[in-house]
Amino acid sequence: MYEDQTHDNILRRMLNRVPDKLDKRPSSLIYDAHSA
């Protein structure tokens, strides 16, 4: 039912909402916060 609601898919949607001008690469503060 929610098979597509994986960590990677959720994280991708969350990061897509973050402006590109901000650093959202792996290990960045924004990336790590959203990953958790």
ModelCIF file with pLDDT and N, C-alpha, C, O atoms, coordinates in Angstrom:
data_MODEL
#
_entry.id   MODEL 
#
_entity.id                         1 
_entity.type                       polymer 
_entity.pdbx_number_of_molecules   1 
#
_entity_poly.entity_id                      1 
_entity_poly.type                           'polypeptide(L)' 
_entity_poly.nstd_linkage                   no 
_entity_poly.nstd_monomer                   no 
_entity_poly.pdbx_seq_one_letter_code       MYEDQTHDNILRRMLNRVPDKLDKRPSSLIYDAHSA 
_entity_poly.pdbx_seq_one_letter_code_can   MYEDQTHDNILRRMLNRVPDKLDKRPSSLIYDAHSA 
_entity_poly.pdbx_strand_id                 A 
#
loop_
_entity_poly_seq.entity_id 
_entity_poly_seq.num 
_entity_poly_seq.mon_id 
_entity_poly_seq.hetero 
1 1  MET n 
1 2  TYR n 
1 3  GLU n 
1 4  ASP n 
1 5  GLN n 
1 6  THR n 
1 7  HIS n 
1 8  ASP n 
1 9  ASN n 
1 10 ILE n 
1 11 LEU n 
1 12 ARG n 
1 13 ARG n 
1 14 MET n 
1 15 LEU n 
1 16 ASN n 
1 17 ARG n 
1 18 VAL n 
1 19 PRO n 
1 20 ASP n 
1 21 LYS n 
1 22 LEU n 
1 23 ASP n 
1 24 LYS n 
1 25 ARG n 
1 26 PRO n 
1 27 SER n 
1 28 SER n 
1 29 LEU n 
1 30 ILE n 
1 31 TYR n 
1 32 ASP n 
1 33 ALA n 
1 34 HIS n 
1 35 SER n 
1 36 ALA n 
#
_struct_asym.id          A 
_struct_asym.entity_id   1 
#
loop_
_ma_qa_metric.id 
_ma_qa_metric.mode 
_ma_qa_metric.name 
_ma_qa_metric.software_group_id 
_ma_qa_metric.type 
1 global pLDDT . pLDDT 
2 local  pLDDT . pLDDT 
#
_ma_qa_metric_global.metric_id      1 
_ma_qa_metric_global.metric_value   91.72 
_ma_qa_metric_global.model_id       1 
_ma_qa_metric_global.ordinal_id     1 
#
loop_
_ma_qa_metric_local.label_asym_id 
_ma_qa_metric_local.label_comp_id 
_ma_qa_metric_local.label_seq_id 
_ma_qa_metric_local.metric_id 
_ma_qa_metric_local.metric_value 
_ma_qa_metric_local.model_id 
_ma_qa_metric_local.ordinal_id 
A MET 1  2 75.00 1 1  
A TYR 2  2 84.00 1 2  
A GLU 3  2 85.00 1 3  
A ASP 4  2 88.00 1 4  
A GLN 5  2 91.00 1 5  
A THR 6  2 93.00 1 6  
A HIS 7  2 92.00 1 7  
A ASP 8  2 93.00 1 8  
A ASN 9  2 93.00 1 9  
A ILE 10 2 92.00 1 10 
A LEU 11 2 93.00 1 11 
A ARG 12 2 92.00 1 12 
A ARG 13 2 93.00 1 13 
A MET 14 2 94.00 1 14 
A LEU 15 2 94.00 1 15 
A ASN 16 2 94.00 1 16 
A ARG 17 2 93.00 1 17 
A VAL 18 2 94.00 1 18 
A PRO 19 2 93.00 1 19 
A ASP 20 2 91.00 1 20 
A LYS 21 2 91.00 1 21 
A LEU 22 2 92.00 1 22 
A ASP 23 2 93.00 1 23 
A LYS 24 2 90.00 1 24 
A ARG 25 2 91.00 1 25 
A PRO 26 2 92.00 1 26 
A SER 27 2 91.00 1 27 
A SER 28 2 93.00 1 28 
A LEU 29 2 94.00 1 29 
A ILE 30 2 94.00 1 30 
A TYR 31 2 94.00 1 31 
A ASP 32 2 93.00 1 32 
A ALA 33 2 94.00 1 33 
A HIS 34 2 94.00 1 34 
A SER 35 2 94.00 1 35 
A ALA 36 2 95.00 1 36 
#
loop_
_atom_site.group_PDB 
_atom_site.id 
_atom_site.type_symbol 
_atom_site.label_atom_id 
_atom_site.label_alt_id 
_atom_site.label_comp_id 
_atom_site.label_asym_id 
_atom_site.label_entity_id 
_atom_site.label_seq_id 
_atom_site.pdbx_PDB_ins_code 
_atom_site.Cartn_x 
_atom_site.Cartn_y 
_atom_site.Cartn_z 
_atom_site.occupancy 
_atom_site.B_iso_or_equiv 
_atom_site.pdbx_formal_charge 
_atom_site.auth_seq_id 
_atom_site.auth_comp_id 
_atom_site.auth_asym_id 
_atom_site.auth_atom_id 
_atom_site.pdbx_PDB_model_num 
ATOM 1   N N  . MET A 1 1  ? 0.822  -1.208 0.000  1.00 75.00 ? 1  MET A N  1 
ATOM 2   C CA . MET A 1 1  ? 0.000  0.000  0.000  1.00 75.00 ? 1  MET A CA 1 
ATOM 3   C C  . MET A 1 1  ? 0.860  1.265  0.000  1.00 75.00 ? 1  MET A C  1 
ATOM 4   O O  . MET A 1 1  ? 0.614  2.213  -0.746 1.00 75.00 ? 1  MET A O  1 
ATOM 5   N N  . TYR A 1 2  ? 1.863  1.244  0.851  1.00 84.00 ? 2  TYR A N  1 
ATOM 6   C CA . TYR A 1 2  ? 2.781  2.391  0.921  1.00 84.00 ? 2  TYR A CA 1 
ATOM 7   C C  . TYR A 1 2  ? 4.197  1.942  0.580  1.00 84.00 ? 2  TYR A C  1 
ATOM 8   O O  . TYR A 1 2  ? 5.170  2.434  1.151  1.00 84.00 ? 2  TYR A O  1 
ATOM 9   N N  . GLU A 1 3  ? 4.300  1.000  -0.358 1.00 85.00 ? 3  GLU A N  1 
ATOM 10  C CA . GLU A 1 3  ? 5.611  0.439  -0.699 1.00 85.00 ? 3  GLU A CA 1 
ATOM 11  C C  . GLU A 1 3  ? 6.571  1.495  -1.247 1.00 85.00 ? 3  GLU A C  1 
ATOM 12  O O  . GLU A 1 3  ? 7.786  1.369  -1.099 1.00 85.00 ? 3  GLU A O  1 
ATOM 13  N N  . ASP A 1 4  ? 6.024  2.533  -1.877 1.00 88.00 ? 4  ASP A N  1 
ATOM 14  C CA . ASP A 1 4  ? 6.888  3.556  -2.468 1.00 88.00 ? 4  ASP A CA 1 
ATOM 15  C C  . ASP A 1 4  ? 7.293  4.636  -1.472 1.00 88.00 ? 4  ASP A C  1 
ATOM 16  O O  . ASP A 1 4  ? 8.066  5.538  -1.796 1.00 88.00 ? 4  ASP A O  1 
ATOM 17  N N  . GLN A 1 5  ? 6.757  4.532  -0.249 1.00 91.00 ? 5  GLN A N  1 
ATOM 18  C CA . GLN A 1 5  ? 7.105  5.540  0.758  1.00 91.00 ? 5  GLN A CA 1 
ATOM 19  C C  . GLN A 1 5  ? 8.365  5.110  1.505  1.00 91.00 ? 5  GLN A C  1 
ATOM 20  O O  . GLN A 1 5  ? 8.345  4.877  2.714  1.00 91.00 ? 5  GLN A O  1 
ATOM 21  N N  . THR A 1 6  ? 9.455  5.012  0.757  1.00 93.00 ? 6  THR A N  1 
ATOM 22  C CA . THR A 1 6  ? 10.741 4.626  1.336  1.00 93.00 ? 6  THR A CA 1 
ATOM 23  C C  . THR A 1 6  ? 11.507 5.864  1.782  1.00 93.00 ? 6  THR A C  1 
ATOM 24  O O  . THR A 1 6  ? 11.151 6.997  1.458  1.00 93.00 ? 6  THR A O  1 
ATOM 25  N N  . HIS A 1 7  ? 12.565 5.609  2.531  1.00 92.00 ? 7  HIS A N  1 
ATOM 26  C CA . HIS A 1 7  ? 13.403 6.713  2.998  1.00 92.00 ? 7  HIS A CA 1 
ATOM 27  C C  . HIS A 1 7  ? 13.900 7.555  1.836  1.00 92.00 ? 7  HIS A C  1 
ATOM 28  O O  . HIS A 1 7  ? 13.841 8.783  1.884  1.00 92.00 ? 7  HIS A O  1 
ATOM 29  N N  . ASP A 1 8  ? 14.391 6.895  0.786  1.00 93.00 ? 8  ASP A N  1 
ATOM 30  C CA . ASP A 1 8  ? 14.975 7.641  -0.346 1.00 93.00 ? 8  ASP A CA 1 
ATOM 31  C C  . ASP A 1 8  ? 13.922 8.477  -1.060 1.00 93.00 ? 8  ASP A C  1 
ATOM 32  O O  . ASP A 1 8  ? 14.183 9.629  -1.409 1.00 93.00 ? 8  ASP A O  1 
ATOM 33  N N  . ASN A 1 9  ? 12.730 7.912  -1.283 1.00 93.00 ? 9  ASN A N  1 
ATOM 34  C CA . ASN A 1 9  ? 11.673 8.664  -1.973 1.00 93.00 ? 9  ASN A CA 1 
ATOM 35  C C  . ASN A 1 9  ? 11.171 9.835  -1.144 1.00 93.00 ? 9  ASN A C  1 
ATOM 36  O O  . ASN A 1 9  ? 10.928 10.922 -1.667 1.00 93.00 ? 9  ASN A O  1 
ATOM 37  N N  . ILE A 1 10 ? 11.020 9.602  0.149  1.00 92.00 ? 10 ILE A N  1 
ATOM 38  C CA . ILE A 1 10 ? 10.560 10.683 1.026  1.00 92.00 ? 10 ILE A CA 1 
ATOM 39  C C  . ILE A 1 10 ? 11.610 11.793 1.074  1.00 92.00 ? 10 ILE A C  1 
ATOM 40  O O  . ILE A 1 10 ? 11.285 12.977 0.980  1.00 92.00 ? 10 ILE A O  1 
ATOM 41  N N  . LEU A 1 11 ? 12.894 11.384 1.224  1.00 93.00 ? 11 LEU A N  1 
ATOM 42  C CA . LEU A 1 11 ? 13.973 12.374 1.282  1.00 93.00 ? 11 LEU A CA 1 
ATOM 43  C C  . LEU A 1 11 ? 14.039 13.173 -0.015 1.00 93.00 ? 11 LEU A C  1 
ATOM 44  O O  . LEU A 1 11 ? 14.242 14.387 0.016  1.00 93.00 ? 11 LEU A O  1 
ATOM 45  N N  . ARG A 1 12 ? 13.872 12.508 -1.145 1.00 92.00 ? 12 ARG A N  1 
ATOM 46  C CA . ARG A 1 12 ? 13.936 13.205 -2.437 1.00 92.00 ? 12 ARG A CA 1 
ATOM 47  C C  . ARG A 1 12 ? 12.837 14.270 -2.521 1.00 92.00 ? 12 ARG A C  1 
ATOM 48  O O  . ARG A 1 12 ? 13.089 15.390 -2.965 1.00 92.00 ? 12 ARG A O  1 
ATOM 49  N N  . ARG A 1 13 ? 11.623 13.920 -2.095 1.00 93.00 ? 13 ARG A N  1 
ATOM 50  C CA . ARG A 1 13 ? 10.520 14.892 -2.136 1.00 93.00 ? 13 ARG A CA 1 
ATOM 51  C C  . ARG A 1 13 ? 10.786 16.064 -1.210 1.00 93.00 ? 13 ARG A C  1 
ATOM 52  O O  . ARG A 1 13 ? 10.481 17.211 -1.534 1.00 93.00 ? 13 ARG A O  1 
ATOM 53  N N  . MET A 1 14 ? 11.355 15.762 -0.061 1.00 94.00 ? 14 MET A N  1 
ATOM 54  C CA . MET A 1 14 ? 11.626 16.828 0.908  1.00 94.00 ? 14 MET A CA 1 
ATOM 55  C C  . MET A 1 14 ? 12.701 17.785 0.378  1.00 94.00 ? 14 MET A C  1 
ATOM 56  O O  . MET A 1 14 ? 12.574 19.004 0.485  1.00 94.00 ? 14 MET A O  1 
ATOM 57  N N  . LEU A 1 15 ? 13.755 17.207 -0.192 1.00 94.00 ? 15 LEU A N  1 
ATOM 58  C CA . LEU A 1 15 ? 14.842 18.056 -0.701 1.00 94.00 ? 15 LEU A CA 1 
ATOM 59  C C  . LEU A 1 15 ? 14.410 18.858 -1.924 1.00 94.00 ? 15 LEU A C  1 
ATOM 60  O O  . LEU A 1 15 ? 14.930 19.946 -2.172 1.00 94.00 ? 15 LEU A O  1 
ATOM 61  N N  . ASN A 1 16 ? 13.463 18.324 -2.685 1.00 94.00 ? 16 ASN A N  1 
ATOM 62  C CA . ASN A 1 16 ? 12.960 19.063 -3.849 1.00 94.00 ? 16 ASN A CA 1 
ATOM 63  C C  . ASN A 1 16 ? 12.255 20.357 -3.442 1.00 94.00 ? 16 ASN A C  1 
ATOM 64  O O  . ASN A 1 16 ? 12.135 21.298 -4.227 1.00 94.00 ? 16 ASN A O  1 
ATOM 65  N N  . ARG A 1 17 ? 11.796 20.373 -2.193 1.00 93.00 ? 17 ARG A N  1 
ATOM 66  C CA . ARG A 1 17 ? 11.118 21.571 -1.708 1.00 93.00 ? 17 ARG A CA 1 
ATOM 67  C C  . ARG A 1 17 ? 12.107 22.613 -1.152 1.00 93.00 ? 17 ARG A C  1 
ATOM 68  O O  . ARG A 1 17 ? 11.727 23.742 -0.843 1.00 93.00 ? 17 ARG A O  1 
ATOM 69  N N  . VAL A 1 18 ? 13.359 22.216 -1.035 1.00 94.00 ? 18 VAL A N  1 
ATOM 70  C CA . VAL A 1 18 ? 14.389 23.144 -0.541 1.00 94.00 ? 18 VAL A CA 1 
ATOM 71  C C  . VAL A 1 18 ? 14.968 23.918 -1.737 1.00 94.00 ? 18 VAL A C  1 
ATOM 72  O O  . VAL A 1 18 ? 15.332 23.301 -2.739 1.00 94.00 ? 18 VAL A O  1 
ATOM 73  N N  . PRO A 1 19 ? 15.059 25.242 -1.655 1.00 93.00 ? 19 PRO A N  1 
ATOM 74  C CA . PRO A 1 19 ? 15.610 26.034 -2.781 1.00 93.00 ? 19 PRO A CA 1 
ATOM 75  C C  . PRO A 1 19 ? 16.999 25.546 -3.192 1.00 93.00 ? 19 PRO A C  1 
ATOM 76  O O  . PRO A 1 19 ? 17.816 25.172 -2.351 1.00 93.00 ? 19 PRO A O  1 
ATOM 77  N N  . ASP A 1 20 ? 17.245 25.557 -4.490 1.00 91.00 ? 20 ASP A N  1 
ATOM 78  C CA . ASP A 1 20 ? 18.517 25.054 -5.013 1.00 91.00 ? 20 ASP A CA 1 
ATOM 79  C C  . ASP A 1 20 ? 19.707 25.904 -4.591 1.00 91.00 ? 20 ASP A C  1 
ATOM 80  O O  . ASP A 1 20 ? 20.845 25.436 -4.621 1.00 91.00 ? 20 ASP A O  1 
ATOM 81  N N  . LYS A 1 21 ? 19.459 27.118 -4.208 1.00 91.00 ? 21 LYS A N  1 
ATOM 82  C CA . LYS A 1 21 ? 20.570 27.983 -3.815 1.00 91.00 ? 21 LYS A CA 1 
ATOM 83  C C  . LYS A 1 21 ? 21.181 27.564 -2.472 1.00 91.00 ? 21 LYS A C  1 
ATOM 84  O O  . LYS A 1 21 ? 22.272 28.002 -2.108 1.00 91.00 ? 21 LYS A O  1 
ATOM 85  N N  . LEU A 1 22 ? 20.454 26.708 -1.746 1.00 92.00 ? 22 LEU A N  1 
ATOM 86  C CA . LEU A 1 22 ? 20.982 26.216 -0.476 1.00 92.00 ? 22 LEU A CA 1 
ATOM 87  C C  . LEU A 1 22 ? 21.703 24.894 -0.690 1.00 92.00 ? 22 LEU A C  1 
ATOM 88  O O  . LEU A 1 22 ? 21.368 24.128 -1.594 1.00 92.00 ? 22 LEU A O  1 
ATOM 89  N N  . ASP A 1 23 ? 22.699 24.636 0.155  1.00 93.00 ? 23 ASP A N  1 
ATOM 90  C CA . ASP A 1 23 ? 23.500 23.420 0.047  1.00 93.00 ? 23 ASP A CA 1 
ATOM 91  C C  . ASP A 1 23 ? 22.690 22.240 0.609  1.00 93.00 ? 23 ASP A C  1 
ATOM 92  O O  . ASP A 1 23 ? 22.430 22.174 1.810  1.00 93.00 ? 23 ASP A O  1 
ATOM 93  N N  . LYS A 1 24 ? 22.297 21.315 -0.269 1.00 90.00 ? 24 LYS A N  1 
ATOM 94  C CA . LYS A 1 24 ? 21.542 20.144 0.169  1.00 90.00 ? 24 LYS A CA 1 
ATOM 95  C C  . LYS A 1 24 ? 22.195 18.856 -0.312 1.00 90.00 ? 24 LYS A C  1 
ATOM 96  O O  . LYS A 1 24 ? 21.532 17.838 -0.512 1.00 90.00 ? 24 LYS A O  1 
ATOM 97  N N  . ARG A 1 25 ? 23.513 18.925 -0.493 1.00 91.00 ? 25 ARG A N  1 
ATOM 98  C CA . ARG A 1 25 ? 24.270 17.741 -0.868 1.00 91.00 ? 25 ARG A CA 1 
ATOM 99  C C  . ARG A 1 25 ? 24.393 16.797 0.327  1.00 91.00 ? 25 ARG A C  1 
ATOM 100 O O  . ARG A 1 25 ? 24.262 17.230 1.472  1.00 91.00 ? 25 ARG A O  1 
ATOM 101 N N  . PRO A 1 26 ? 24.649 15.487 0.066  1.00 92.00 ? 26 PRO A N  1 
ATOM 102 C CA . PRO A 1 26 ? 24.856 14.550 1.168  1.00 92.00 ? 26 PRO A CA 1 
ATOM 103 C C  . PRO A 1 26 ? 25.896 15.073 2.144  1.00 92.00 ? 26 PRO A C  1 
ATOM 104 O O  . PRO A 1 26 ? 26.916 15.636 1.746  1.00 92.00 ? 26 PRO A O  1 
ATOM 105 N N  . SER A 1 27 ? 25.624 14.880 3.419  1.00 91.00 ? 27 SER A N  1 
ATOM 106 C CA . SER A 1 27 ? 26.475 15.305 4.545  1.00 91.00 ? 27 SER A CA 1 
ATOM 107 C C  . SER A 1 27 ? 26.307 16.781 4.876  1.00 91.00 ? 27 SER A C  1 
ATOM 108 O O  . SER A 1 27 ? 26.876 17.257 5.858  1.00 91.00 ? 27 SER A O  1 
ATOM 109 N N  . SER A 1 28 ? 25.528 17.524 4.067  1.00 93.00 ? 28 SER A N  1 
ATOM 110 C CA . SER A 1 28 ? 25.251 18.909 4.441  1.00 93.00 ? 28 SER A CA 1 
ATOM 111 C C  . SER A 1 28 ? 24.263 18.922 5.590  1.00 93.00 ? 28 SER A C  1 
ATOM 112 O O  . SER A 1 28 ? 23.595 17.923 5.857  1.00 93.00 ? 28 SER A O  1 
ATOM 113 N N  . LEU A 1 29 ? 24.170 20.065 6.277  1.00 94.00 ? 29 LEU A N  1 
ATOM 114 C CA . LEU A 1 29 ? 23.265 20.184 7.419  1.00 94.00 ? 29 LEU A CA 1 
ATOM 115 C C  . LEU A 1 29 ? 21.816 19.926 6.998  1.00 94.00 ? 29 LEU A C  1 
ATOM 116 O O  . LEU A 1 29 ? 21.087 19.193 7.666  1.00 94.00 ? 29 LEU A O  1 
ATOM 117 N N  . ILE A 1 30 ? 21.414 20.532 5.891  1.00 94.00 ? 30 ILE A N  1 
ATOM 118 C CA . ILE A 1 30 ? 20.032 20.367 5.425  1.00 94.00 ? 30 ILE A CA 1 
ATOM 119 C C  . ILE A 1 30 ? 19.764 18.910 5.056  1.00 94.00 ? 30 ILE A C  1 
ATOM 120 O O  . ILE A 1 30 ? 18.720 18.354 5.395  1.00 94.00 ? 30 ILE A O  1 
ATOM 121 N N  . TYR A 1 31 ? 20.723 18.300 4.357  1.00 94.00 ? 31 TYR A N  1 
ATOM 122 C CA . TYR A 1 31 ? 20.543 16.907 3.939  1.00 94.00 ? 31 TYR A CA 1 
ATOM 123 C C  . TYR A 1 31 ? 20.403 15.993 5.156  1.00 94.00 ? 31 TYR A C  1 
ATOM 124 O O  . TYR A 1 31 ? 19.483 15.178 5.217  1.00 94.00 ? 31 TYR A O  1 
ATOM 125 N N  . ASP A 1 32 ? 21.303 16.124 6.116  1.00 93.00 ? 32 ASP A N  1 
ATOM 126 C CA . ASP A 1 32 ? 21.277 15.245 7.287  1.00 93.00 ? 32 ASP A CA 1 
ATOM 127 C C  . ASP A 1 32 ? 20.004 15.432 8.115  1.00 93.00 ? 32 ASP A C  1 
ATOM 128 O O  . ASP A 1 32 ? 19.443 14.465 8.630  1.00 93.00 ? 32 ASP A O  1 
ATOM 129 N N  . ALA A 1 33 ? 19.551 16.692 8.238  1.00 94.00 ? 33 ALA A N  1 
ATOM 130 C CA . ALA A 1 33 ? 18.334 16.947 9.015  1.00 94.00 ? 33 ALA A CA 1 
ATOM 131 C C  . ALA A 1 33 ? 17.119 16.303 8.337  1.00 94.00 ? 33 ALA A C  1 
ATOM 132 O O  . ALA A 1 33 ? 16.297 15.664 8.995  1.00 94.00 ? 33 ALA A O  1 
ATOM 133 N N  . HIS A 1 34 ? 17.017 16.478 7.023  1.00 94.00 ? 34 HIS A N  1 
ATOM 134 C CA . HIS A 1 34 ? 15.888 15.887 6.289  1.00 94.00 ? 34 HIS A CA 1 
ATOM 135 C C  . HIS A 1 34 ? 15.982 14.366 6.244  1.00 94.00 ? 34 HIS A C  1 
ATOM 136 O O  . HIS A 1 34 ? 14.964 13.673 6.255  1.00 94.00 ? 34 HIS A O  1 
ATOM 137 N N  . SER A 1 35 ? 17.200 13.856 6.194  1.00 94.00 ? 35 SER A N  1 
ATOM 138 C CA . SER A 1 35 ? 17.369 12.400 6.153  1.00 94.00 ? 35 SER A CA 1 
ATOM 139 C C  . SER A 1 35 ? 16.854 11.756 7.435  1.00 94.00 ? 35 SER A C  1 
ATOM 140 O O  . SER A 1 35 ? 16.190 10.721 7.395  1.00 94.00 ? 35 SER A O  1 
ATOM 141 N N  . ALA A 1 36 ? 17.167 12.378 8.574  1.00 95.00 ? 36 ALA A N  1 
ATOM 142 C CA . ALA A 1 36 ? 16.683 11.848 9.858  1.00 95.00 ? 36 ALA A CA 1 
ATOM 143 C C  . ALA A 1 36 ? 15.154 11.868 9.919  1.00 95.00 ? 36 ALA A C  1 
ATOM 144 O O  . ALA A 1 36 ? 14.571 11.460 10.924 1.00 95.00 ? 36 ALA A O  1 
#
